[in-house]
Amino acid sequence: MNSVIGIKGTEEFFSDLKQDFAALDRGEAIPGPLHRIYFESAEALSRVITRQRQALLQTLHANGALSIRGLAALLQRDYKNVHQDVRILEESGLIERDAKNHIMAPYEKLNIELSLTA
């Protein structure tokens, strides 16, 4: 499964959502299902997806679901720092927990869309 990450303000997000619901009311098909994660700005995105967090995502993808302690060991990083990164990525919807409460990266690919129009 892939996810699209985009930059979209609150007003634009709800405007697009309103248009999708109107299309559904008219019986029109809308694209989907597609997993999307939006950030308010490019700066907000860059605060979440840092180099270390990208390495964390890649490690999870390559190794499957792991405990935070196991992930920290593979990354050769301090448990506390990995725990903080996991919390941020989980709150952003980029990682999930399985039935055993292990961390996993459910996406094969994260596609970042950056609109150049205002």
PDB file of N, CA and C in Angstrom:
ATOM      1  N   MET A   1       0.849  -1.177   0.000  1.00  0.00           N
ATOM      2  CA  MET A   1       0.000   0.000   0.000  1.00  0.00           C
ATOM      3  C   MET A   1       0.892   1.237   0.000  1.00  0.00           C
ATOM      4  N   ASN A   2       0.480   2.230  -0.772  1.00  0.00           N
ATOM      5  CA  ASN A   2       1.202   3.494  -0.842  1.00  0.00           C
ATOM      6  C   ASN A   2       0.410   4.578  -0.148  1.00  0.00           C
ATOM      7  N   SER A   3       1.093   5.636   0.229  1.00  0.00           N
ATOM      8  CA  SER A   3       0.441   6.796   0.821  1.00  0.00           C
ATOM      9  C   SER A   3       0.951   8.042   0.121  1.00  0.00           C
ATOM     10  N   VAL A   4       0.067   9.002  -0.037  1.00  0.00           N
ATOM     11  CA  VAL A   4       0.441  10.286  -0.615  1.00  0.00           C
ATOM     12  C   VAL A   4       0.501  11.298   0.520  1.00  0.00           C
ATOM     13  N   ILE A   5       1.598  12.017   0.576  1.00  0.00           N
ATOM     14  CA  ILE A   5       1.768  13.068   1.566  1.00  0.00           C
ATOM     15  C   ILE A   5       1.705  14.387   0.831  1.00  0.00           C
ATOM     16  N   GLY A   6       0.896  15.289   1.319  1.00  0.00           N
ATOM     17  CA  GLY A   6       0.740  16.563   0.643  1.00  0.00           C
ATOM     18  C   GLY A   6       0.739  17.736   1.604  1.00  0.00           C
ATOM     19  N   ILE A   7       0.830  18.910   1.022  1.00  0.00           N
ATOM     20  CA  ILE A   7       0.762  20.169   1.757  1.00  0.00           C
ATOM     21  C   ILE A   7      -0.601  20.764   1.434  1.00  0.00           C
ATOM     22  N   LYS A   8      -1.397  20.962   2.456  1.00  0.00           N
ATOM     23  CA  LYS A   8      -2.730  21.494   2.215  1.00  0.00           C
ATOM     24  C   LYS A   8      -3.220  22.162   3.490  1.00  0.00           C
ATOM     25  N   GLY A   9      -3.612  23.408   3.382  1.00  0.00           N
ATOM     26  CA  GLY A   9      -4.157  24.124   4.519  1.00  0.00           C
ATOM     27  C   GLY A   9      -5.529  23.591   4.894  1.00  0.00           C
ATOM     28  N   THR A  10      -5.981  23.939   6.064  1.00  0.00           N
ATOM     29  CA  THR A  10      -7.257  23.455   6.577  1.00  0.00           C
ATOM     30  C   THR A  10      -8.416  23.833   5.668  1.00  0.00           C
ATOM     31  N   GLU A  11      -8.456  25.086   5.228  1.00  0.00           N
ATOM     32  CA  GLU A  11      -9.547  25.529   4.367  1.00  0.00           C
ATOM     33  C   GLU A  11      -9.588  24.751   3.055  1.00  0.00           C
ATOM     34  N   GLU A  12      -8.427  24.564   2.439  1.00  0.00           N
ATOM     35  CA  GLU A  12      -8.357  23.822   1.180  1.00  0.00           C
ATOM     36  C   GLU A  12      -8.756  22.363   1.386  1.00  0.00           C
ATOM     37  N   PHE A  13      -8.313  21.776   2.491  1.00  0.00           N
ATOM     38  CA  PHE A  13      -8.649  20.382   2.796  1.00  0.00           C
ATOM     39  C   PHE A  13     -10.162  20.210   2.895  1.00  0.00           C
ATOM     40  N   PHE A  14     -10.819  21.073   3.674  1.00  0.00           N
ATOM     41  CA  PHE A  14     -12.267  20.944   3.855  1.00  0.00           C
ATOM     42  C   PHE A  14     -13.038  21.319   2.595  1.00  0.00           C
ATOM     43  N   SER A  15     -12.503  22.221   1.795  1.00  0.00           N
ATOM     44  CA  SER A  15     -13.127  22.558   0.525  1.00  0.00           C
ATOM     45  C   SER A  15     -13.106  21.347  -0.411  1.00  0.00           C
ATOM     46  N   ASP A  16     -11.966  20.672  -0.493  1.00  0.00           N
ATOM     47  CA  ASP A  16     -11.856  19.462  -1.318  1.00  0.00           C
ATOM     48  C   ASP A  16     -12.775  18.363  -0.807  1.00  0.00           C
ATOM     49  N   LEU A  17     -12.860  18.219   0.504  1.00  0.00           N
ATOM     50  CA  LEU A  17     -13.729  17.214   1.098  1.00  0.00           C
ATOM     51  C   LEU A  17     -15.192  17.506   0.770  1.00  0.00           C
ATOM     52  N   LYS A  18     -15.557  18.761   0.830  1.00  0.00           N
ATOM     53  CA  LYS A  18     -16.927  19.176   0.505  1.00  0.00           C
ATOM     54  C   LYS A  18     -17.243  18.846  -0.960  1.00  0.00           C
ATOM     55  N   GLN A  19     -16.292  19.100  -1.849  1.00  0.00           N
ATOM     56  CA  GLN A  19     -16.483  18.784  -3.267  1.00  0.00           C
ATOM     57  C   GLN A  19     -16.645  17.281  -3.479  1.00  0.00           C
ATOM     58  N   ASP A  20     -15.863  16.481  -2.745  1.00  0.00           N
ATOM     59  CA  ASP A  20     -15.981  15.021  -2.860  1.00  0.00           C
ATOM     60  C   ASP A  20     -17.358  14.554  -2.410  1.00  0.00           C
ATOM     61  N   PHE A  21     -17.854  15.096  -1.304  1.00  0.00           N
ATOM     62  CA  PHE A  21     -19.185  14.701  -0.823  1.00  0.00           C
ATOM     63  C   PHE A  21     -20.272  15.136  -1.795  1.00  0.00           C
ATOM     64  N   ALA A  22     -20.118  16.301  -2.385  1.00  0.00           N
ATOM     65  CA  ALA A  22     -21.099  16.767  -3.377  1.00  0.00           C
ATOM     66  C   ALA A  22     -21.104  15.839  -4.592  1.00  0.00           C
ATOM     67  N   ALA A  23     -19.915  15.411  -5.031  1.00  0.00           N
ATOM     68  CA  ALA A  23     -19.824  14.484  -6.160  1.00  0.00           C
ATOM     69  C   ALA A  23     -20.492  13.150  -5.818  1.00  0.00           C
ATOM     70  N   LEU A  24     -20.275  12.675  -4.608  1.00  0.00           N
ATOM     71  CA  LEU A  24     -20.918  11.435  -4.177  1.00  0.00           C
ATOM     72  C   LEU A  24     -22.434  11.585  -4.154  1.00  0.00           C
ATOM     73  N   ASP A  25     -22.920  12.731  -3.678  1.00  0.00           N
ATOM     74  CA  ASP A  25     -24.364  12.989  -3.665  1.00  0.00           C
ATOM     75  C   ASP A  25     -24.951  12.980  -5.072  1.00  0.00           C
ATOM     76  N   ARG A  26     -24.156  13.398  -6.046  1.00  0.00           N
ATOM     77  CA  ARG A  26     -24.613  13.401  -7.444  1.00  0.00           C
ATOM     78  C   ARG A  26     -24.446  12.029  -8.098  1.00  0.00           C
ATOM     79  N   GLY A  27     -23.901  11.074  -7.359  1.00  0.00           N
ATOM     80  CA  GLY A  27     -23.707   9.731  -7.892  1.00  0.00           C
ATOM     81  C   GLY A  27     -22.434   9.574  -8.690  1.00  0.00           C
ATOM     82  N   GLU A  28     -21.544  10.539  -8.608  1.00  0.00           N
ATOM     83  CA  GLU A  28     -20.278  10.480  -9.340  1.00  0.00           C
ATOM     84  C   GLU A  28     -19.236   9.705  -8.536  1.00  0.00           C
ATOM     85  N   ALA A  29     -18.337   9.083  -9.247  1.00  0.00           N
ATOM     86  CA  ALA A  29     -17.242   8.359  -8.593  1.00  0.00           C
ATOM     87  C   ALA A  29     -16.143   9.344  -8.221  1.00  0.00           C
ATOM     88  N   ILE A  30     -15.526   9.103  -7.092  1.00  0.00           N
ATOM     89  CA  ILE A  30     -14.358   9.891  -6.700  1.00  0.00           C
ATOM     90  C   ILE A  30     -13.176   8.931  -6.602  1.00  0.00           C
ATOM     91  N   PRO A  31     -11.964   9.434  -6.824  1.00  0.00           N
ATOM     92  CA  PRO A  31     -10.794   8.550  -6.758  1.00  0.00           C
ATOM     93  C   PRO A  31     -10.651   7.927  -5.377  1.00  0.00           C
ATOM     94  N   GLY A  32     -10.303   6.684  -5.334  1.00  0.00           N
ATOM     95  CA  GLY A  32     -10.070   6.089  -4.035  1.00  0.00           C
ATOM     96  C   GLY A  32     -10.175   4.586  -4.115  1.00  0.00           C
ATOM     97  N   PRO A  33      -9.970   3.868  -3.062  1.00  0.00           N
ATOM     98  CA  PRO A  33      -9.458   4.468  -1.826  1.00  0.00           C
ATOM     99  C   PRO A  33      -7.979   4.781  -1.961  1.00  0.00           C
ATOM    100  N   LEU A  34      -7.583   5.871  -1.413  1.00  0.00           N
ATOM    101  CA  LEU A  34      -6.199   6.315  -1.461  1.00  0.00           C
ATOM    102  C   LEU A  34      -5.870   6.906  -0.112  1.00  0.00           C
ATOM    103  N   HIS A  35      -4.810   6.441   0.477  1.00  0.00           N
ATOM    104  CA  HIS A  35      -4.413   6.955   1.776  1.00  0.00           C
ATOM    105  C   HIS A  35      -3.634   8.243   1.579  1.00  0.00           C
ATOM    106  N   ARG A  36      -4.060   9.303   2.241  1.00  0.00           N
ATOM    107  CA  ARG A  36      -3.400  10.600   2.139  1.00  0.00           C
ATOM    108  C   ARG A  36      -3.127  11.158   3.526  1.00  0.00           C
ATOM    109  N   ILE A  37      -2.007  11.812   3.650  1.00  0.00           N
ATOM    110  CA  ILE A  37      -1.641  12.513   4.879  1.00  0.00           C
ATOM    111  C   ILE A  37      -1.279  13.933   4.475  1.00  0.00           C
ATOM    112  N   TYR A  38      -1.910  14.905   5.116  1.00  0.00           N
ATOM    113  CA  TYR A  38      -1.648  16.306   4.762  1.00  0.00           C
ATOM    114  C   TYR A  38      -0.985  17.046   5.911  1.00  0.00           C
ATOM    115  N   PHE A  39      -0.099  17.959   5.530  1.00  0.00           N
ATOM    116  CA  PHE A  39       0.544  18.860   6.465  1.00  0.00           C
ATOM    117  C   PHE A  39       0.181  20.282   6.076  1.00  0.00           C
ATOM    118  N   GLU A  40       0.131  21.161   7.053  1.00  0.00           N
ATOM    119  CA  GLU A  40      -0.257  22.558   6.822  1.00  0.00           C
ATOM    120  C   GLU A  40       0.748  23.299   5.935  1.00  0.00           C
ATOM    121  N   SER A  41       2.008  22.912   6.013  1.00  0.00           N
ATOM    122  CA  SER A  41       3.044  23.619   5.260  1.00  0.00           C
ATOM    123  C   SER A  41       4.225  22.686   5.013  1.00  0.00           C
ATOM    124  N   ALA A  42       5.084  23.102   4.096  1.00  0.00           N
ATOM    125  CA  ALA A  42       6.307  22.335   3.834  1.00  0.00           C
ATOM    126  C   ALA A  42       7.188  22.311   5.081  1.00  0.00           C
ATOM    127  N   GLU A  43       7.154  23.391   5.845  1.00  0.00           N
ATOM    128  CA  GLU A  43       7.940  23.452   7.082  1.00  0.00           C
ATOM    129  C   GLU A  43       7.448  22.415   8.086  1.00  0.00           C
ATOM    130  N   ALA A  44       6.121  22.274   8.199  1.00  0.00           N
ATOM    131  CA  ALA A  44       5.561  21.273   9.116  1.00  0.00           C
ATOM    132  C   ALA A  44       5.961  19.869   8.677  1.00  0.00           C
ATOM    133  N   LEU A  45       5.930  19.617   7.386  1.00  0.00           N
ATOM    134  CA  LEU A  45       6.347  18.322   6.855  1.00  0.00           C
ATOM    135  C   LEU A  45       7.816  18.061   7.173  1.00  0.00           C
ATOM    136  N   SER A  46       8.661  19.053   6.972  1.00  0.00           N
ATOM    137  CA  SER A  46      10.100  18.858   7.208  1.00  0.00           C
ATOM    138  C   SER A  46      10.426  18.694   8.685  1.00  0.00           C
ATOM    139  N   ARG A  47       9.548  19.161   9.571  1.00  0.00           N
ATOM    140  CA  ARG A  47       9.759  18.932  11.010  1.00  0.00           C
ATOM    141  C   ARG A  47       9.407  17.491  11.385  1.00  0.00           C
ATOM    142  N   VAL A  48       8.550  16.847  10.606  1.00  0.00           N
ATOM    143  CA  VAL A  48       8.135  15.475  10.909  1.00  0.00           C
ATOM    144  C   VAL A  48       9.041  14.458  10.227  1.00  0.00           C
ATOM    145  N   ILE A  49       9.317  14.645   8.949  1.00  0.00           N
ATOM    146  CA  ILE A  49      10.135  13.674   8.229  1.00  0.00           C
ATOM    147  C   ILE A  49      11.572  14.194   8.157  1.00  0.00           C
ATOM    148  N   THR A  50      12.323  13.872   9.195  1.00  0.00           N
ATOM    149  CA  THR A  50      13.741  14.224   9.257  1.00  0.00           C
ATOM    150  C   THR A  50      14.551  13.055   8.690  1.00  0.00           C
ATOM    151  N   ARG A  51      15.835  13.236   8.540  1.00  0.00           N
ATOM    152  CA  ARG A  51      16.694  12.144   8.045  1.00  0.00           C
ATOM    153  C   ARG A  51      16.620  10.927   8.961  1.00  0.00           C
ATOM    154  N   GLN A  52      16.674  11.172  10.275  1.00  0.00           N
ATOM    155  CA  GLN A  52      16.650  10.051  11.220  1.00  0.00           C
ATOM    156  C   GLN A  52      15.306   9.332  11.181  1.00  0.00           C
ATOM    157  N   ARG A  53      14.234  10.075  11.027  1.00  0.00           N
ATOM    158  CA  ARG A  53      12.911   9.440  10.961  1.00  0.00           C
ATOM    159  C   ARG A  53      12.718   8.703   9.636  1.00  0.00           C
ATOM    160  N   GLN A  54      13.314   9.205   8.577  1.00  0.00           N
ATOM    161  CA  GLN A  54      13.271   8.487   7.304  1.00  0.00           C
ATOM    162  C   GLN A  54      14.010   7.165   7.446  1.00  0.00           C
ATOM    163  N   ALA A  55      15.165   7.181   8.102  1.00  0.00           N
ATOM    164  CA  ALA A  55      15.914   5.939   8.350  1.00  0.00           C
ATOM    165  C   ALA A  55      15.098   4.986   9.219  1.00  0.00           C
ATOM    166  N   LEU A  56      14.378   5.529  10.186  1.00  0.00           N
ATOM    167  CA  LEU A  56      13.514   4.723  11.041  1.00  0.00           C
ATOM    168  C   LEU A  56      12.430   4.047  10.208  1.00  0.00           C
ATOM    169  N   LEU A  57      11.776   4.807   9.332  1.00  0.00           N
ATOM    170  CA  LEU A  57      10.743   4.249   8.457  1.00  0.00           C
ATOM    171  C   LEU A  57      11.308   3.154   7.562  1.00  0.00           C
ATOM    172  N   GLN A  58      12.477   3.394   6.996  1.00  0.00           N
ATOM    173  CA  GLN A  58      13.101   2.403   6.112  1.00  0.00           C
ATOM    174  C   GLN A  58      13.475   1.131   6.885  1.00  0.00           C
ATOM    175  N   THR A  59      13.951   1.296   8.106  1.00  0.00           N
ATOM    176  CA  THR A  59      14.312   0.147   8.937  1.00  0.00           C
ATOM    177  C   THR A  59      13.081  -0.672   9.275  1.00  0.00           C
ATOM    178  N   LEU A  60      11.995   0.009   9.631  1.00  0.00           N
ATOM    179  CA  LEU A  60      10.746  -0.708   9.916  1.00  0.00           C
ATOM    180  C   LEU A  60      10.248  -1.448   8.679  1.00  0.00           C
ATOM    181  N   HIS A  61      10.301  -0.787   7.551  1.00  0.00           N
ATOM    182  CA  HIS A  61       9.825  -1.417   6.314  1.00  0.00           C
ATOM    183  C   HIS A  61      10.651  -2.666   5.988  1.00  0.00           C
ATOM    184  N   ALA A  62      11.960  -2.567   6.160  1.00  0.00           N
ATOM    185  CA  ALA A  62      12.856  -3.680   5.826  1.00  0.00           C
ATOM    186  C   ALA A  62      12.754  -4.841   6.816  1.00  0.00           C
ATOM    187  N   ASN A  63      12.425  -4.544   8.083  1.00  0.00           N
ATOM    188  CA  ASN A  63      12.474  -5.570   9.123  1.00  0.00           C
ATOM    189  C   ASN A  63      11.116  -6.007   9.646  1.00  0.00           C
ATOM    190  N   GLY A  64      10.064  -5.346   9.236  1.00  0.00           N
ATOM    191  CA  GLY A  64       8.746  -5.684   9.758  1.00  0.00           C
ATOM    192  C   GLY A  64       8.517  -5.060  11.119  1.00  0.00           C
ATOM    193  N   ALA A  65       7.436  -5.454  11.753  1.00  0.00           N
ATOM    194  CA  ALA A  65       7.045  -4.872  13.039  1.00  0.00           C
ATOM    195  C   ALA A  65       8.095  -5.151  14.108  1.00  0.00           C
ATOM    196  N   LEU A  66       8.396  -4.119  14.877  1.00  0.00           N
ATOM    197  CA  LEU A  66       9.420  -4.215  15.918  1.00  0.00           C
ATOM    198  C   LEU A  66       8.960  -3.490  17.178  1.00  0.00           C
ATOM    199  N   SER A  67       9.543  -3.878  18.294  1.00  0.00           N
ATOM    200  CA  SER A  67       9.360  -3.094  19.513  1.00  0.00           C
ATOM    201  C   SER A  67      10.225  -1.843  19.391  1.00  0.00           C
ATOM    202  N   ILE A  68       9.946  -0.857  20.193  1.00  0.00           N
ATOM    203  CA  ILE A  68      10.772   0.356  20.163  1.00  0.00           C
ATOM    204  C   ILE A  68      12.197   0.012  20.564  1.00  0.00           C
ATOM    205  N   ARG A  69      12.354  -0.859  21.550  1.00  0.00           N
ATOM    206  CA  ARG A  69      13.701  -1.266  21.991  1.00  0.00           C
ATOM    207  C   ARG A  69      14.452  -1.969  20.856  1.00  0.00           C
ATOM    208  N   GLY A  70      13.770  -2.865  20.143  1.00  0.00           N
ATOM    209  CA  GLY A  70      14.399  -3.558  19.022  1.00  0.00           C
ATOM    210  C   GLY A  70      14.758  -2.606  17.893  1.00  0.00           C
ATOM    211  N   LEU A  71      13.871  -1.648  17.652  1.00  0.00           N
ATOM    212  CA  LEU A  71      14.124  -0.643  16.620  1.00  0.00           C
ATOM    213  C   LEU A  71      15.320   0.217  16.990  1.00  0.00           C
ATOM    214  N   ALA A  72      15.387   0.632  18.254  1.00  0.00           N
ATOM    215  CA  ALA A  72      16.515   1.450  18.725  1.00  0.00           C
ATOM    216  C   ALA A  72      17.831   0.690  18.573  1.00  0.00           C
ATOM    217  N   ALA A  73      17.796  -0.607  18.860  1.00  0.00           N
ATOM    218  CA  ALA A  73      19.015  -1.417  18.720  1.00  0.00           C
ATOM    219  C   ALA A  73      19.456  -1.489  17.263  1.00  0.00           C
ATOM    220  N   LEU A  74      18.518  -1.724  16.352  1.00  0.00           N
ATOM    221  CA  LEU A  74      18.876  -1.786  14.930  1.00  0.00           C
ATOM    222  C   LEU A  74      19.411  -0.454  14.421  1.00  0.00           C
ATOM    223  N   LEU A  75      18.813   0.633  14.896  1.00  0.00           N
ATOM    224  CA  LEU A  75      19.244   1.966  14.457  1.00  0.00           C
ATOM    225  C   LEU A  75      20.492   2.441  15.183  1.00  0.00           C
ATOM    226  N   GLN A  76      20.881   1.725  16.232  1.00  0.00           N
ATOM    227  CA  GLN A  76      22.003   2.108  17.088  1.00  0.00           C
ATOM    228  C   GLN A  76      21.797   3.529  17.627  1.00  0.00           C
ATOM    229  N   ARG A  77      20.580   3.742  18.135  1.00  0.00           N
ATOM    230  CA  ARG A  77      20.211   5.041  18.699  1.00  0.00           C
ATOM    231  C   ARG A  77      19.659   4.844  20.101  1.00  0.00           C
ATOM    232  N   ASP A  78      19.636   5.907  20.872  1.00  0.00           N
ATOM    233  CA  ASP A  78      19.117   5.897  22.226  1.00  0.00           C
ATOM    234  C   ASP A  78      17.609   5.601  22.223  1.00  0.00           C
ATOM    235  N   TYR A  79      17.166   4.747  23.142  1.00  0.00           N
ATOM    236  CA  TYR A  79      15.761   4.363  23.238  1.00  0.00           C
ATOM    237  C   TYR A  79      14.851   5.585  23.363  1.00  0.00           C
ATOM    238  N   LYS A  80      15.220   6.511  24.216  1.00  0.00           N
ATOM    239  CA  LYS A  80      14.378   7.689  24.466  1.00  0.00           C
ATOM    240  C   LYS A  80      14.158   8.491  23.181  1.00  0.00           C
ATOM    241  N   ASN A  81      15.203   8.681  22.399  1.00  0.00           N
ATOM    242  CA  ASN A  81      15.085   9.441  21.153  1.00  0.00           C
ATOM    243  C   ASN A  81      14.247   8.695  20.110  1.00  0.00           C
ATOM    244  N   VAL A  82      14.429   7.381  20.035  1.00  0.00           N
ATOM    245  CA  VAL A  82      13.631   6.578  19.100  1.00  0.00           C
ATOM    246  C   VAL A  82      12.172   6.606  19.540  1.00  0.00           C
ATOM    247  N   HIS A  83      11.918   6.510  20.828  1.00  0.00           N
ATOM    248  CA  HIS A  83      10.550   6.561  21.347  1.00  0.00           C
ATOM    249  C   HIS A  83       9.877   7.882  20.949  1.00  0.00           C
ATOM    250  N   GLN A  84      10.599   8.976  21.065  1.00  0.00           N
ATOM    251  CA  GLN A  84      10.055  10.283  20.683  1.00  0.00           C
ATOM    252  C   GLN A  84       9.759  10.330  19.176  1.00  0.00           C
ATOM    253  N   ASP A  85      10.669   9.817  18.369  1.00  0.00           N
ATOM    254  CA  ASP A  85      10.451   9.787  16.921  1.00  0.00           C
ATOM    255  C   ASP A  85       9.246   8.918  16.560  1.00  0.00           C
ATOM    256  N   VAL A  86       9.116   7.779  17.228  1.00  0.00           N
ATOM    257  CA  VAL A  86       7.976   6.891  16.989  1.00  0.00           C
ATOM    258  C   VAL A  86       6.677   7.618  17.326  1.00  0.00           C
ATOM    259  N   ARG A  87       6.647   8.317  18.445  1.00  0.00           N
ATOM    260  CA  ARG A  87       5.438   9.047  18.844  1.00  0.00           C
ATOM    261  C   ARG A  87       5.045  10.065  17.783  1.00  0.00           C
ATOM    262  N   ILE A  88       6.005  10.818  17.282  1.00  0.00           N
ATOM    263  CA  ILE A  88       5.738  11.852  16.270  1.00  0.00           C
ATOM    264  C   ILE A  88       5.248  11.218  14.965  1.00  0.00           C
ATOM    265  N   LEU A  89       5.904  10.162  14.518  1.00  0.00           N
ATOM    266  CA  LEU A  89       5.498   9.492  13.275  1.00  0.00           C
ATOM    267  C   LEU A  89       4.137   8.813  13.420  1.00  0.00           C
ATOM    268  N   GLU A  90       3.871   8.282  14.597  1.00  0.00           N
ATOM    269  CA  GLU A  90       2.577   7.644  14.834  1.00  0.00           C
ATOM    270  C   GLU A  90       1.458   8.690  14.847  1.00  0.00           C
ATOM    271  N   GLU A  91       1.681   9.814  15.511  1.00  0.00           N
ATOM    272  CA  GLU A  91       0.687  10.886  15.542  1.00  0.00           C
ATOM    273  C   GLU A  91       0.425  11.445  14.147  1.00  0.00           C
ATOM    274  N   SER A  92       1.416  11.393  13.279  1.00  0.00           N
ATOM    275  CA  SER A  92       1.282  11.890  11.911  1.00  0.00           C
ATOM    276  C   SER A  92       0.635  10.873  10.983  1.00  0.00           C
ATOM    277  N   GLY A  93       0.462   9.649  11.436  1.00  0.00           N
ATOM    278  CA  GLY A  93      -0.159   8.618  10.614  1.00  0.00           C
ATOM    279  C   GLY A  93       0.806   7.881   9.702  1.00  0.00           C
ATOM    280  N   LEU A  94       2.090   8.051   9.925  1.00  0.00           N
ATOM    281  CA  LEU A  94       3.085   7.419   9.057  1.00  0.00           C
ATOM    282  C   LEU A  94       3.484   6.021   9.513  1.00  0.00           C
ATOM    283  N   ILE A  95       3.251   5.711  10.782  1.00  0.00           N
ATOM    284  CA  ILE A  95       3.489   4.360  11.283  1.00  0.00           C
ATOM    285  C   ILE A  95       2.286   3.952  12.127  1.00  0.00           C
ATOM    286  N   GLU A  96       2.171   2.650  12.340  1.00  0.00           N
ATOM    287  CA  GLU A  96       1.052   2.102  13.107  1.00  0.00           C
ATOM    288  C   GLU A  96       1.577   1.036  14.059  1.00  0.00           C
ATOM    289  N   ARG A  97       0.695   0.583  14.933  1.00  0.00           N
ATOM    290  CA  ARG A  97       1.024  -0.517  15.842  1.00  0.00           C
ATOM    291  C   ARG A  97       0.220  -1.749  15.446  1.00  0.00           C
ATOM    292  N   ASP A  98       0.839  -2.914  15.614  1.00  0.00           N
ATOM    293  CA  ASP A  98       0.133  -4.157  15.315  1.00  0.00           C
ATOM    294  C   ASP A  98      -0.551  -4.672  16.588  1.00  0.00           C
ATOM    295  N   ALA A  99      -1.104  -5.868  16.514  1.00  0.00           N
ATOM    296  CA  ALA A  99      -1.833  -6.448  17.640  1.00  0.00           C
ATOM    297  C   ALA A  99      -0.939  -6.665  18.862  1.00  0.00           C
ATOM    298  N   LYS A 100       0.367  -6.829  18.635  1.00  0.00           N
ATOM    299  CA  LYS A 100       1.311  -7.023  19.743  1.00  0.00           C
ATOM    300  C   LYS A 100       1.877  -5.696  20.249  1.00  0.00           C
ATOM    301  N   ASN A 101       1.345  -4.584  19.734  1.00  0.00           N
ATOM    302  CA  ASN A 101       1.789  -3.235  20.087  1.00  0.00           C
ATOM    303  C   ASN A 101       3.179  -2.920  19.536  1.00  0.00           C
ATOM    304  N   HIS A 102       3.606  -3.683  18.529  1.00  0.00           N
ATOM    305  CA  HIS A 102       4.874  -3.400  17.859  1.00  0.00           C
ATOM    306  C   HIS A 102       4.641  -2.333  16.787  1.00  0.00           C
ATOM    307  N   ILE A 103       5.685  -1.603  16.482  1.00  0.00           N
ATOM    308  CA  ILE A 103       5.626  -0.521  15.510  1.00  0.00           C
ATOM    309  C   ILE A 103       5.837  -1.100  14.116  1.00  0.00           C
ATOM    310  N   MET A 104       5.051  -0.598  13.138  1.00  0.00           N
ATOM    311  CA  MET A 104       5.254  -1.042  11.761  1.00  0.00           C
ATOM    312  C   MET A 104       5.027   0.118  10.801  1.00  0.00           C
ATOM    313  N   ALA A 105       5.689   0.035   9.668  1.00  0.00           N
ATOM    314  CA  ALA A 105       5.531   1.006   8.587  1.00  0.00           C
ATOM    315  C   ALA A 105       4.658   0.328   7.533  1.00  0.00           C
ATOM    316  N   PRO A 106       3.370   0.693   7.445  1.00  0.00           N
ATOM    317  CA  PRO A 106       2.453  -0.050   6.583  1.00  0.00           C
ATOM    318  C   PRO A 106       2.538   0.279   5.098  1.00  0.00           C
ATOM    319  N   TYR A 107       3.374   1.245   4.726  1.00  0.00           N
ATOM    320  CA  TYR A 107       3.389   1.701   3.337  1.00  0.00           C
ATOM    321  C   TYR A 107       4.641   1.236   2.610  1.00  0.00           C
ATOM    322  N   GLU A 108       4.458   0.829   1.352  1.00  0.00           N
ATOM    323  CA  GLU A 108       5.583   0.477   0.489  1.00  0.00           C
ATOM    324  C   GLU A 108       6.327   1.732   0.059  1.00  0.00           C
ATOM    325  N   LYS A 109       5.552   2.783  -0.166  1.00  0.00           N
ATOM    326  CA  LYS A 109       6.115   4.012  -0.706  1.00  0.00           C
ATOM    327  C   LYS A 109       5.342   5.202  -0.152  1.00  0.00           C
ATOM    328  N   LEU A 110       6.064   6.280   0.115  1.00  0.00           N
ATOM    329  CA  LEU A 110       5.452   7.549   0.504  1.00  0.00           C
ATOM    330  C   LEU A 110       5.736   8.537  -0.630  1.00  0.00           C
ATOM    331  N   ASN A 111       4.691   8.972  -1.294  1.00  0.00           N
ATOM    332  CA  ASN A 111       4.816   9.931  -2.380  1.00  0.00           C
ATOM    333  C   ASN A 111       4.481  11.316  -1.849  1.00  0.00           C
ATOM    334  N   ILE A 112       5.407  12.244  -1.993  1.00  0.00           N
ATOM    335  CA  ILE A 112       5.179  13.597  -1.500  1.00  0.00           C
ATOM    336  C   ILE A 112       4.765  14.479  -2.685  1.00  0.00           C
ATOM    337  N   GLU A 113       3.595  15.102  -2.548  1.00  0.00           N
ATOM    338  CA  GLU A 113       3.089  16.043  -3.557  1.00  0.00           C
ATOM    339  C   GLU A 113       3.304  17.448  -3.040  1.00  0.00           C
ATOM    340  N   LEU A 114       3.931  18.262  -3.843  1.00  0.00           N
ATOM    341  CA  LEU A 114       4.172  19.644  -3.472  1.00  0.00           C
ATOM    342  C   LEU A 114       3.648  20.533  -4.593  1.00  0.00           C
ATOM    343  N   SER A 115       2.545  21.206  -4.321  1.00  0.00           N
ATOM    344  CA  SER A 115       1.954  22.084  -5.317  1.00  0.00           C
ATOM    345  C   SER A 115       2.751  23.379  -5.406  1.00  0.00           C
ATOM    346  N   LEU A 116       3.009  23.822  -6.617  1.00  0.00           N
ATOM    347  CA  LEU A 116       3.757  25.072  -6.811  1.00  0.00           C
ATOM    348  C   LEU A 116       2.838  26.257  -7.064  1.00  0.00           C
ATOM    349  N   THR A 117       1.538  25.998  -7.076  1.00  0.00           N
ATOM    350  CA  THR A 117       0.578  27.095  -7.238  1.00  0.00           C
ATOM    351  C   THR A 117       0.083  27.549  -5.890  1.00  0.00           C
ATOM    352  N   ALA A 118      -0.270  28.815  -5.802  1.00  0.00           N
ATOM    353  CA  ALA A 118      -0.729  29.370  -4.535  1.00  0.00           C
ATOM    354  C   ALA A 118      -2.190  29.060  -4.288  1.00  0.00           C
TER     355      ALA A 118
END
